[in-house]
Protein backbone atom coordinates (compact mmCIF):
# COMPACT_ATOMS: atom_id res chain seq x y z
CA MET A 1 0.00 0.00 0.00
CA CYS A 2 1.66 3.18 -1.14
CA LEU A 3 -0.84 6.03 -0.96
CA ILE A 4 -3.48 6.72 1.69
CA ALA A 5 -5.51 9.79 2.67
CA TRP A 6 -8.18 9.91 5.33
CA SER A 7 -10.46 12.13 7.39
CA TRP A 8 -10.34 11.12 11.06
CA GLN A 9 -13.12 12.57 13.21
CA PRO A 10 -13.51 10.52 16.41
CA GLY A 11 -16.74 11.24 18.23
CA GLN A 12 -18.36 12.63 15.08
CA ALA A 13 -21.08 10.95 13.04
CA ARG A 14 -18.73 10.20 10.15
CA THR A 15 -15.72 8.87 11.97
CA LEU A 16 -13.42 7.67 9.21
CA LEU A 17 -13.38 8.34 5.47
CA LEU A 18 -10.39 6.86 3.65
CA ALA A 19 -9.02 6.35 0.15
CA ALA A 20 -5.96 4.26 -0.70
CA ASN A 21 -3.99 2.74 -3.57
CA ARG A 22 -1.83 -0.35 -3.29
CA ASP A 23 1.19 -0.38 -5.62
CA GLU A 24 3.08 -3.62 -6.16
CA TRP A 25 4.85 -5.80 -8.70
CA LEU A 26 2.18 -7.02 -11.10
CA ASP A 27 3.27 -10.65 -10.91
CA ARG A 28 3.25 -10.85 -7.09
CA PRO A 29 0.56 -13.41 -6.17
CA THR A 30 -2.31 -11.77 -4.31
CA LEU A 31 -5.82 -12.63 -3.13
CA PRO A 32 -8.46 -9.87 -3.41
CA MET A 33 -10.22 -8.30 -0.46
CA ARG A 34 -12.78 -10.59 1.19
CA TRP A 35 -13.89 -11.74 4.64
CA TRP A 36 -11.63 -14.56 5.78
CA ARG A 37 -10.22 -16.31 8.85
CA PRO A 38 -6.43 -16.09 9.07
CA ASP A 39 -6.54 -18.83 11.72
CA ALA A 40 -8.86 -21.74 10.96
CA ALA A 41 -9.05 -22.52 14.69
CA SER A 42 -10.28 -19.02 15.53
CA ALA A 43 -13.61 -17.31 14.93
CA ALA A 44 -11.87 -13.98 14.21
CA GLU A 45 -12.45 -12.63 10.70
CA VAL A 46 -10.82 -9.77 8.83
CA LEU A 47 -11.80 -7.97 5.65
CA SER A 48 -8.65 -7.63 3.57
CA GLY A 49 -6.69 -8.85 0.61
CA GLN A 50 -3.68 -11.07 1.18
CA ASP A 51 -0.16 -11.25 -0.18
CA LEU A 52 0.40 -14.92 -0.96
CA ARG A 53 4.17 -14.63 -0.93
CA SER A 54 4.50 -13.50 2.70
CA GLY A 55 1.02 -14.15 4.07
CA GLY A 56 0.59 -10.54 5.18
CA ILE A 57 -1.90 -7.82 4.30
CA TRP A 58 -1.61 -4.14 3.35
CA LEU A 59 -4.98 -2.86 4.61
CA GLY A 60 -7.76 -4.49 6.60
CA LEU A 61 -10.47 -4.13 9.20
CA THR A 62 -12.68 -6.19 11.49
CA ARG A 63 -16.39 -6.29 12.27
CA HIS A 64 -15.56 -4.73 15.65
CA GLY A 65 -14.19 -1.49 14.17
CA ARG A 66 -10.46 -2.18 14.17
CA PHE A 67 -8.52 -0.88 11.15
CA ALA A 68 -4.88 -1.17 10.07
CA ALA A 69 -2.73 -0.37 7.04
CA VAL A 70 0.96 -0.45 6.18
CA THR A 71 3.13 1.30 3.58
CA ASN A 72 6.82 0.92 2.90
CA VAL A 73 9.36 3.73 3.26
CA ARG A 74 11.07 4.37 -0.06
CA ASP A 75 14.80 4.18 0.51
CA PRO A 76 16.96 1.54 -1.24
CA ALA A 77 19.33 1.59 1.73
CA LEU A 78 16.55 0.17 3.92
CA GLU A 79 15.95 -2.95 1.87
CA ARG A 80 16.36 -6.13 3.92
CA PRO A 81 15.62 -9.21 1.78
CA HIS A 82 15.49 -11.55 4.78
CA ALA A 83 13.54 -9.27 7.14
CA PRO A 84 10.16 -10.30 8.58
CA SER A 85 7.15 -9.35 6.47
CA ARG A 86 5.81 -5.87 7.17
CA GLY A 87 2.40 -7.14 6.09
CA LEU A 88 2.14 -9.32 9.20
CA LEU A 89 2.06 -6.22 11.42
CA PRO A 90 -1.42 -4.95 10.44
CA LEU A 91 -2.76 -8.51 10.36
CA ARG A 92 -1.57 -9.28 13.88
CA TYR A 93 -2.98 -6.01 15.19
CA LEU A 94 -6.41 -6.86 13.77
CA LEU A 95 -6.25 -10.28 15.45
CA GLY A 96 -5.01 -8.94 18.80
CA LEU A 97 -1.68 -10.76 18.54
CA HIS A 98 1.81 -9.68 19.56
CA PRO A 99 3.77 -8.36 16.51
CA LEU A 100 6.85 -10.42 17.24
CA ASP A 101 5.71 -13.91 18.23
CA GLY A 102 1.97 -13.96 17.49
CA SER A 103 0.96 -14.57 21.11
CA THR A 104 -2.29 -13.07 22.41
CA MET A 105 -1.97 -9.53 23.82
CA ASP A 106 -4.00 -8.61 26.90
CA ASP A 107 -3.92 -4.96 25.79
CA CYS A 108 -3.97 -4.59 22.02
CA SER A 109 -4.98 -0.95 21.80
CA PRO A 110 -3.38 1.01 18.95
CA ALA A 111 -0.90 2.62 21.37
CA ALA A 112 0.02 -0.66 23.08
CA PHE A 113 0.52 -2.48 19.80
CA ALA A 114 2.60 0.39 18.40
CA GLN A 115 4.80 0.28 21.49
CA ALA A 116 5.31 -3.46 21.02
CA VAL A 117 6.19 -2.93 17.35
CA GLN A 118 8.65 -0.17 18.22
CA SER A 119 10.77 -2.59 20.24
CA CYS A 120 11.28 -4.82 17.19
CA GLY A 121 10.96 -2.18 14.45
CA PRO A 122 14.64 -2.09 13.42
CA ALA A 123 14.40 -5.72 12.28
CA TYR A 124 12.06 -4.73 9.45
CA ALA A 125 12.60 -2.92 6.19
CA GLY A 126 11.28 0.64 6.32
CA PHE A 127 7.56 0.94 7.03
CA ASN A 128 4.70 3.16 8.16
CA LEU A 129 1.97 1.51 10.22
CA LEU A 130 -1.48 3.03 10.75
CA LEU A 131 -3.70 1.57 13.50
CA ALA A 132 -7.21 2.55 14.62
CA ASP A 133 -9.96 1.42 16.95
CA LEU A 134 -13.23 3.16 16.18
CA ARG A 135 -14.90 1.97 19.39
CA SER A 136 -12.37 3.79 21.56
CA GLY A 137 -11.75 6.65 19.11
CA ALA A 138 -8.01 5.98 18.99
CA MET A 139 -5.69 6.17 15.97
CA HIS A 140 -1.91 5.69 16.01
CA TRP A 141 0.90 6.02 13.47
CA LEU A 142 4.28 4.38 13.75
CA SER A 143 7.35 4.46 11.49
CA ASN A 144 10.71 2.76 11.89
CA HIS A 145 12.60 5.16 9.56
CA PRO A 146 13.16 7.32 11.41
CA LEU A 147 11.63 5.78 14.52
CA GLN A 148 8.45 7.76 15.29
CA ASN A 149 5.36 6.82 17.26
CA GLY A 150 2.33 8.92 18.17
CA ASN A 151 -1.41 9.51 18.21
CA VAL A 152 -3.04 10.82 15.03
CA ALA A 153 -4.92 14.06 15.66
CA PRO A 154 -8.42 14.59 14.22
CA GLY A 155 -8.40 16.04 10.71
CA VAL A 156 -7.39 15.15 7.16
CA HIS A 157 -4.10 13.27 6.81
CA GLY A 158 -2.05 11.61 4.09
CA LEU A 159 0.61 8.94 3.95
CA SER A 160 2.75 7.51 1.18
CA ASN A 161 6.34 6.25 1.35
CA ALA A 162 7.63 8.91 3.75
CA ALA A 163 6.53 10.26 7.14
CA LEU A 164 2.94 11.12 7.99
CA ASP A 165 1.67 14.16 6.02
CA THR A 166 4.90 14.58 4.05
CA PRO A 167 3.67 16.91 1.26
CA TRP A 168 4.53 14.89 -1.82
CA PRO A 169 2.37 16.10 -4.76
CA LYS A 170 0.19 12.98 -4.91
CA VAL A 171 -0.34 13.10 -1.14
CA ARG A 172 -1.43 16.75 -1.28
CA ASP A 173 -3.79 16.05 -4.20
CA LEU A 174 -5.44 13.05 -2.57
CA LYS A 175 -5.83 14.91 0.73
CA ALA A 176 -7.57 17.74 -1.14
CA ALA A 177 -9.97 15.27 -2.78
CA LEU A 178 -10.56 13.61 0.57
CA ALA A 179 -11.36 16.96 2.22
CA GLU A 180 -13.83 17.74 -0.58
CA SER A 181 -15.54 14.38 -0.15
CA ALA A 182 -15.67 14.81 3.64
CA GLU A 183 -17.32 18.20 3.25
CA LEU A 184 -19.97 16.69 0.95
CA ALA A 185 -20.65 13.99 3.51
CA ASP A 186 -20.91 16.52 6.34
CA ALA A 187 -23.47 18.47 4.31
CA ASP A 188 -25.72 15.35 4.31
CA THR A 189 -25.60 15.07 0.54
CA PRO A 190 -25.83 11.55 -0.90
CA MET A 191 -22.44 9.96 -0.21
CA SER A 192 -20.51 9.13 -3.35
CA PHE A 193 -17.02 7.82 -3.82
CA ALA A 194 -16.82 9.42 -7.29
CA VAL A 195 -14.44 12.26 -6.32
CA LEU A 196 -12.09 9.88 -4.51
CA THR A 197 -12.19 7.26 -7.25
CA GLN A 198 -11.16 9.87 -9.80
CA ALA A 199 -8.34 11.09 -7.58
CA LEU A 200 -7.02 7.56 -7.03
CA GLN A 201 -6.99 6.94 -10.80
CA HIS A 202 -5.09 10.17 -11.56
CA LYS A 203 -2.07 9.39 -13.77
CA GLN A 204 -0.51 12.87 -13.88
CA ILE A 205 3.25 12.86 -13.17
CA ALA A 206 4.61 15.65 -10.98
CA PRO A 207 7.13 18.15 -12.43
CA ASP A 208 10.78 17.40 -11.71
CA ASP A 209 11.20 20.31 -9.31
CA ALA A 210 8.42 18.87 -7.09
CA LEU A 211 9.77 15.32 -6.96
CA PRO A 212 11.18 13.87 -3.75
CA ARG A 213 14.67 12.41 -3.80
CA THR A 214 14.42 9.00 -2.19
CA GLY A 215 17.41 7.20 -3.68
CA VAL A 216 15.75 5.68 -6.75
CA SER A 217 16.43 6.83 -10.31
CA LEU A 218 14.84 9.98 -11.71
CA ASP A 219 12.72 7.88 -14.11
CA TRP A 220 11.35 5.95 -11.16
CA GLU A 221 10.75 9.11 -9.12
CA ARG A 222 8.74 10.50 -12.03
CA ALA A 223 6.65 7.37 -12.53
CA LEU A 224 6.02 6.92 -8.80
CA SER A 225 4.85 10.53 -8.39
CA ALA A 226 1.46 9.71 -9.95
CA ALA A 227 -1.41 8.56 -7.75
CA PHE A 228 -2.13 5.75 -10.22
CA ILE A 229 1.08 4.06 -11.33
CA ARG A 230 1.53 1.97 -14.43
CA MET A 231 5.04 0.83 -15.38
CA PRO A 232 6.37 -2.30 -17.05
CA GLY A 233 5.90 -4.99 -14.43
CA TYR A 234 4.90 -2.61 -11.62
CA GLY A 235 1.92 -0.44 -10.76
CA THR A 236 -1.30 0.15 -8.87
CA ARG A 237 -2.95 -3.17 -8.09
CA CYS A 238 -6.12 -1.94 -6.35
CA SER A 239 -7.95 1.06 -4.91
CA THR A 240 -9.78 0.89 -1.59
CA LEU A 241 -12.47 3.28 -0.38
CA LEU A 242 -13.72 3.10 3.18
CA ARG A 243 -16.32 4.86 5.29
CA MET A 244 -17.00 4.00 8.95
CA ASP A 245 -19.61 5.89 10.98
CA ALA A 246 -20.17 6.36 14.70
CA ASP A 247 -23.54 4.56 14.50
CA GLY A 248 -21.75 1.40 13.36
CA GLY A 249 -22.37 1.71 9.64
CA ALA A 250 -19.48 0.60 7.45
CA LEU A 251 -19.02 0.79 3.69
CA VAL A 252 -15.99 -0.55 1.84
CA ARG A 253 -15.26 -0.72 -1.87
CA GLU A 254 -12.28 -2.26 -3.64
CA VAL A 255 -11.50 -1.84 -7.34
CA GLN A 256 -8.84 -4.21 -8.67
CA TYR A 257 -6.64 -3.34 -11.63
CA GLN A 258 -5.33 -6.12 -13.80
CA PRO A 259 -3.40 -5.32 -16.99
CA GLY A 260 -5.16 -6.58 -20.09
CA VAL A 261 -8.52 -7.08 -18.36
CA PRO A 262 -11.14 -4.82 -20.02
CA SER A 263 -13.57 -4.82 -17.07
CA GLN A 264 -11.83 -4.38 -13.73
CA PRO A 265 -13.28 -6.30 -10.76
CA ASP A 266 -15.21 -4.00 -8.41
CA PHE A 267 -16.47 -5.24 -5.03
CA ALA A 268 -18.40 -3.52 -2.21
CA TRP A 269 -19.31 -4.47 1.35
CA ASN A 270 -21.93 -2.73 3.51
CA TRP A 271 -22.54 -3.85 7.10
CA ARG A 272 -22.85 -2.69 10.69
CA MET A 273 -19.97 -2.99 13.12
CA VAL A 274 -20.33 -5.27 16.13
CA ARG A 275 -20.25 -3.32 19.40
């Protein structure tokens, strides 16, 4: 998952509105978002896709209002081919398991889980981890490059492959679209994901003077500056749109992008969270 923007308003009617793109190698085996049980012996279910190479996830949530997502930090110097999978971190949070050994945590609040991750963070390649619990109104962000850990304040935020709210062009643009969509929702107009869908599919490349310098080639910096990425062998694999309300209502949509497929799979889930 490489681009996320969200409106976080704990205590308000519309608690979380989020839009995200997952970018990945096109040949990496992946299962689409669906309800599933990571542990056949457990009744716990998550709504997420799954990376079949590592077993982890990039974004997911539970029927009880827990949410998690992970992005990498773009820096070739941080690559660790034999490091543990970053995708196991959001999955274990959703299941209430310790990030290191998978044992059950007595306190698996966003802050407690982030603290547990921080102790083993240097073992992983660079990552950002976003954790939320809508029942308690808590959201936490953690990064291991550099090591940072803190509550997320109410408001509109964005995250890509650098620190929280780093103003890369595609982060700024998606945050602006998210703010527009949040204002429409607050005005009690019929909720539509159209503005966010268009923003997530935006292919415009940023000008060179606005590009970050993350250690990859200039050609890669240019290609990766678009919200929707399409390169030989690499690009945006899916878009996820999420709305979770204080009354328990939840709406999730995932659009999958597969090269050469004329009609892209488009799935939606609408349910009420378990209190």
